[in-house]
Amino acid sequence: MSDFFEVLQEDAARDPEQRAREFSRRELPKRFYKEATHEPAEGGFAIHLDGRPVKTPGKTTLLLPNETIGAAVAAEWMAQEKVINPANMPLTRIANSAQDAVSVRHGDVADDITRFAGTDALCYRADDPQSLVDTQRRLWDPVVDWAGSLLGGRFVLIEGIVHAPQPEDLLKAYRQRIGSETPLRLAALHTATSLTGSALLALALKEGHLDAESVWSAAHVEEDFNIERWGEDADAARLRAYKRTEFDAAVLILQVD
């Protein structure tokens, strides 16, 4: 993806491992409040810390579109213990980015996701070993076929890593499909795309074609194949668990907003 999202404050699309390292080097603010609540406000729900509304880094009142997301964001603030660690607050970060940045660069974000569809991980296939090839076909072919049918075309499948362009009309149809999303949903879609490596899987999640577990499993076919073959690395497992919390935050937004 392009790097424009990296200029945003603790943006949800940044690499989770890098973000965790950055936060660990900072002096995190101490928790100064006793209670975090979600309260009705004009335009949605605000997060109150001991009665005072939370502001985004852009200095506007953070607003969530419905009570479910508002309650979940308030729970993130309540879960902070001695310090406030944004690395553990994916919903808050996505909402901040949506309100401060995606709302004013909506087209850029939609274009960025669409560019990812042009090099989608599901279109690049292994040529061996056969067990991996078969698993990719079983889990990925139905998604690629569904997306092509939805968008009125057929995605090109490539063996290996040599790039092949996708049909321009297909990418235009993808861009049109996501162009009317709210800033919050678009930010969540960007997060899901980044974490899965697939704009097609993110689209399937957004459209309700696949549930979260199916998307997560399809996104980790190669990683799971290597784990089965060589065993699981502890650091990689921790990073995957961290990314799953980011993914689950995006899922919540896409399912209820």
Protein backbone atom coordinates (compact mmCIF):
# COMPACT_ATOMS: atom_id res chain seq x y z
CA MET A 1 0.00 0.00 0.00
CA SER A 2 1.03 3.59 -0.40
CA ASP A 3 2.60 5.25 2.60
CA PHE A 4 0.26 8.20 3.07
CA PHE A 5 -1.57 6.54 5.96
CA GLU A 6 1.66 6.39 7.92
CA VAL A 7 1.51 10.12 8.56
CA LEU A 8 -1.61 9.65 10.68
CA GLN A 9 -1.42 9.45 14.43
CA GLU A 10 -1.05 5.81 15.59
CA ASP A 11 -2.93 4.82 12.48
CA ALA A 12 -4.70 1.50 12.25
CA ALA A 13 -3.10 0.66 8.92
CA ARG A 14 0.48 0.81 10.18
CA ASP A 15 2.47 -2.32 10.82
CA PRO A 16 1.39 -3.58 14.28
CA GLU A 17 4.86 -4.78 15.26
CA GLN A 18 6.42 -1.43 14.39
CA ARG A 19 3.69 0.44 16.21
CA ALA A 20 4.13 -1.70 19.35
CA ARG A 21 7.87 -0.96 19.34
CA GLU A 22 7.24 2.75 18.96
CA PHE A 23 4.81 2.81 21.84
CA SER A 24 7.19 0.84 24.03
CA ARG A 25 9.83 3.57 23.57
CA ARG A 26 7.49 6.35 24.60
CA GLU A 27 6.63 7.55 28.05
CA LEU A 28 2.97 6.63 28.12
CA PRO A 29 0.51 8.92 29.92
CA LYS A 30 -0.71 7.70 33.28
CA ARG A 31 -4.35 6.78 33.66
CA PHE A 32 -5.96 9.85 35.20
CA TYR A 33 -9.63 8.83 35.25
CA LYS A 34 -11.74 6.44 37.26
CA GLU A 35 -14.53 5.73 34.81
CA ALA A 36 -14.93 5.62 31.03
CA THR A 37 -18.45 5.67 29.63
CA HIS A 38 -20.18 6.06 26.30
CA GLU A 39 -22.79 8.80 26.25
CA PRO A 40 -25.34 9.89 23.63
CA ALA A 41 -24.20 12.95 21.71
CA GLU A 42 -25.18 14.80 18.58
CA GLY A 43 -24.14 12.55 15.71
CA GLY A 44 -23.61 9.39 17.74
CA PHE A 45 -21.95 8.48 21.02
CA ALA A 46 -19.08 10.22 22.78
CA ILE A 47 -16.59 8.67 25.19
CA HIS A 48 -16.49 10.37 28.57
CA LEU A 49 -13.67 10.05 31.08
CA ASP A 50 -15.11 11.03 34.45
CA GLY A 51 -17.67 13.07 32.57
CA ARG A 52 -15.31 14.83 30.16
CA PRO A 53 -15.47 13.91 26.43
CA VAL A 54 -12.45 12.31 24.77
CA LYS A 55 -10.91 14.35 21.96
CA THR A 56 -9.20 13.01 18.87
CA PRO A 57 -5.58 14.03 18.19
CA GLY A 58 -7.15 16.59 15.83
CA LYS A 59 -8.88 18.15 18.88
CA THR A 60 -12.46 17.27 17.96
CA THR A 61 -14.80 15.26 20.16
CA LEU A 62 -14.47 11.58 19.30
CA LEU A 63 -17.83 10.34 18.03
CA LEU A 64 -18.88 6.73 17.43
CA PRO A 65 -21.83 5.95 15.15
CA ASN A 66 -23.78 3.61 17.43
CA GLU A 67 -24.02 2.30 20.96
CA THR A 68 -22.32 -1.04 20.24
CA ILE A 69 -19.11 0.57 18.98
CA GLY A 70 -19.34 3.30 21.60
CA ALA A 71 -19.50 0.71 24.37
CA ALA A 72 -16.58 -1.21 22.89
CA VAL A 73 -14.41 1.93 22.71
CA ALA A 74 -15.32 2.85 26.28
CA ALA A 75 -14.30 -0.68 27.31
CA GLU A 76 -10.87 -0.12 25.74
CA TRP A 77 -10.41 2.96 27.91
CA MET A 78 -11.59 1.12 31.01
CA ALA A 79 -9.17 -1.73 30.28
CA GLN A 80 -6.17 0.58 30.58
CA GLU A 81 -4.51 0.10 33.94
CA LYS A 82 -1.69 2.32 35.19
CA VAL A 83 -0.95 3.90 31.81
CA ILE A 84 -2.89 4.62 28.63
CA ASN A 85 -1.34 2.46 25.92
CA PRO A 86 -2.72 3.16 22.41
CA ALA A 87 -1.15 -0.10 21.22
CA ASN A 88 -3.91 -1.87 23.14
CA MET A 89 -6.72 0.33 21.82
CA PRO A 90 -7.32 -0.60 18.16
CA LEU A 91 -10.91 0.61 18.01
CA THR A 92 -9.94 4.01 19.38
CA ARG A 93 -7.11 4.33 16.87
CA ILE A 94 -9.31 3.37 13.92
CA ALA A 95 -11.97 5.84 15.04
CA ASN A 96 -9.40 8.62 15.49
CA SER A 97 -7.98 8.01 12.03
CA ALA A 98 -11.45 7.89 10.48
CA GLN A 99 -12.52 11.16 12.04
CA ASP A 100 -9.31 13.17 11.66
CA ALA A 101 -7.94 11.85 8.37
CA VAL A 102 -10.16 9.50 6.38
CA SER A 103 -13.03 11.98 6.53
CA VAL A 104 -10.92 14.52 4.62
CA ARG A 105 -9.00 12.03 2.42
CA HIS A 106 -11.77 9.58 1.72
CA GLY A 107 -10.95 9.22 -1.97
CA ASP A 108 -7.27 8.63 -1.27
CA VAL A 109 -8.06 5.81 1.14
CA ALA A 110 -10.52 4.18 -1.27
CA ASP A 111 -7.93 4.45 -4.07
CA ASP A 112 -5.30 2.89 -1.81
CA ILE A 113 -7.46 -0.14 -1.03
CA THR A 114 -8.31 -0.52 -4.71
CA ARG A 115 -4.63 -0.51 -5.65
CA PHE A 116 -4.19 -3.39 -3.25
CA ALA A 117 -6.86 -5.29 -5.16
CA GLY A 118 -4.63 -4.92 -8.22
CA THR A 119 -1.94 -7.02 -6.53
CA ASP A 120 -4.14 -9.09 -4.28
CA ALA A 121 -2.50 -11.93 -2.36
CA LEU A 122 -5.29 -14.33 -3.36
CA CYS A 123 -4.31 -13.94 -7.01
CA TYR A 124 -0.68 -15.00 -6.49
CA ARG A 125 -0.42 -18.76 -6.17
CA ALA A 126 2.24 -21.24 -5.18
CA ASP A 127 3.26 -23.80 -7.77
CA ASP A 128 4.44 -26.31 -5.16
CA PRO A 129 4.20 -28.22 -2.89
CA GLN A 130 0.95 -29.70 -4.06
CA SER A 131 -0.67 -29.68 -0.61
CA LEU A 132 -0.24 -25.88 -0.42
CA VAL A 133 -1.47 -25.46 -3.99
CA ASP A 134 -4.56 -27.50 -3.15
CA THR A 135 -5.28 -25.56 0.03
CA GLN A 136 -4.98 -22.25 -1.77
CA ARG A 137 -7.37 -23.44 -4.44
CA ARG A 138 -9.86 -24.73 -1.87
CA LEU A 139 -9.93 -21.58 0.24
CA TRP A 140 -9.09 -18.87 -2.27
CA ASP A 141 -10.79 -19.87 -5.53
CA PRO A 142 -14.33 -19.43 -4.16
CA VAL A 143 -13.48 -15.93 -2.90
CA VAL A 144 -11.86 -14.88 -6.17
CA ASP A 145 -14.77 -16.29 -8.17
CA TRP A 146 -17.34 -14.60 -5.92
CA ALA A 147 -15.55 -11.23 -6.12
CA GLY A 148 -15.30 -11.46 -9.90
CA SER A 149 -19.00 -12.27 -10.18
CA LEU A 150 -19.93 -9.41 -7.84
CA LEU A 151 -17.80 -6.93 -9.78
CA GLY A 152 -18.63 -8.18 -13.26
CA GLY A 153 -15.34 -9.68 -14.40
CA ARG A 154 -12.62 -12.24 -13.72
CA PHE A 155 -9.45 -11.76 -11.69
CA VAL A 156 -6.19 -12.96 -13.23
CA LEU A 157 -4.40 -15.70 -11.26
CA ILE A 158 -0.60 -15.77 -11.27
CA GLU A 159 1.79 -18.53 -10.27
CA GLY A 160 4.88 -17.14 -8.59
CA ILE A 161 5.69 -13.49 -7.90
CA VAL A 162 5.87 -11.94 -11.38
CA HIS A 163 3.27 -9.19 -11.50
CA ALA A 164 0.37 -9.33 -13.95
CA PRO A 165 -2.15 -6.48 -14.13
CA GLN A 166 -5.78 -7.01 -13.23
CA PRO A 167 -8.50 -5.83 -15.65
CA GLU A 168 -8.99 -2.09 -15.27
CA ASP A 169 -12.78 -2.36 -15.43
CA LEU A 170 -12.70 -4.81 -12.54
CA LEU A 171 -10.66 -2.43 -10.39
CA LYS A 172 -12.99 0.43 -11.27
CA ALA A 173 -15.93 -1.70 -10.15
CA TYR A 174 -14.14 -2.47 -6.89
CA ARG A 175 -13.49 1.23 -6.31
CA GLN A 176 -17.13 2.06 -6.97
CA ARG A 177 -18.25 -0.68 -4.57
CA ILE A 178 -16.39 0.87 -1.63
CA GLY A 179 -16.65 4.53 -2.59
CA SER A 180 -19.76 5.31 -0.54
CA GLU A 181 -18.58 3.77 2.72
CA THR A 182 -18.50 5.97 5.81
CA PRO A 183 -15.04 7.16 6.94
CA LEU A 184 -15.15 4.74 9.88
CA ARG A 185 -16.08 1.73 7.75
CA LEU A 186 -13.52 2.68 5.13
CA ALA A 187 -10.83 2.93 7.80
CA ALA A 188 -11.85 -0.51 9.06
CA LEU A 189 -11.79 -1.90 5.52
CA HIS A 190 -8.29 -0.49 5.07
CA THR A 191 -7.22 -2.16 8.30
CA ALA A 192 -8.70 -5.52 7.27
CA THR A 193 -7.01 -5.26 3.87
CA SER A 194 -3.64 -4.47 5.42
CA LEU A 195 -3.81 -7.28 7.97
CA THR A 196 -5.00 -9.98 5.57
CA GLY A 197 -3.00 -8.86 2.54
CA SER A 198 -6.16 -9.09 0.49
CA ALA A 199 -8.66 -6.49 -0.63
CA LEU A 200 -10.83 -9.37 -1.84
CA LEU A 201 -11.00 -10.95 1.60
CA ALA A 202 -11.75 -7.54 3.09
CA LEU A 203 -14.54 -7.08 0.56
CA ALA A 204 -15.98 -10.50 1.41
CA LEU A 205 -15.96 -9.51 5.06
CA LYS A 206 -17.59 -6.15 4.37
CA GLU A 207 -20.30 -7.68 2.20
CA GLY A 208 -21.06 -10.45 4.70
CA HIS A 209 -20.01 -13.13 2.24
CA LEU A 210 -17.48 -14.62 4.69
CA ASP A 211 -17.37 -14.52 8.48
CA ALA A 212 -14.34 -13.33 10.39
CA GLU A 213 -12.91 -16.80 11.07
CA SER A 214 -13.10 -17.80 7.41
CA VAL A 215 -11.36 -14.60 6.35
CA TRP A 216 -8.64 -14.99 8.98
CA SER A 217 -8.01 -18.62 8.01
CA ALA A 218 -7.84 -17.79 4.30
CA ALA A 219 -5.39 -14.98 5.01
CA HIS A 220 -3.00 -17.34 6.81
CA VAL A 221 -2.88 -20.31 4.46
CA GLU A 222 0.85 -20.06 3.81
CA GLU A 223 1.71 -19.22 7.41
CA ASP A 224 -0.31 -22.17 8.71
CA PHE A 225 1.30 -24.43 6.13
CA ASN A 226 4.76 -23.42 7.39
CA ILE A 227 3.71 -23.87 11.01
CA GLU A 228 2.48 -27.37 10.27
CA ARG A 229 5.72 -28.17 8.50
CA TRP A 230 8.30 -26.46 10.73
CA GLY A 231 6.55 -25.63 13.97
CA GLU A 232 5.43 -22.30 15.43
CA ASP A 233 7.80 -19.49 16.36
CA ALA A 234 6.92 -17.85 19.67
CA ASP A 235 7.56 -14.30 18.45
CA ALA A 236 5.52 -14.90 15.32
CA ALA A 237 2.69 -16.30 17.42
CA ARG A 238 2.66 -13.20 19.62
CA LEU A 239 2.62 -10.93 16.58
CA ARG A 240 -0.22 -12.92 15.04
CA ALA A 241 -2.24 -12.65 18.24
CA TYR A 242 -1.63 -8.90 18.31
CA LYS A 243 -2.74 -8.56 14.70
CA ARG A 244 -5.86 -10.56 15.50
CA THR A 245 -6.94 -7.93 18.03
CA GLU A 246 -6.54 -5.30 15.29
CA PHE A 247 -8.51 -7.45 12.88
CA ASP A 248 -11.30 -8.06 15.39
CA ALA A 249 -11.66 -4.30 15.90
CA ALA A 250 -12.11 -3.83 12.15
CA VAL A 251 -14.59 -6.72 12.05
CA LEU A 252 -16.72 -5.16 14.76
CA ILE A 253 -16.97 -1.89 12.84
CA LEU A 254 -17.79 -3.60 9.55
CA GLN A 255 -20.42 -5.80 11.15
CA VAL A 256 -22.34 -3.23 13.18
CA ASP A 257 -21.72 0.24 11.70
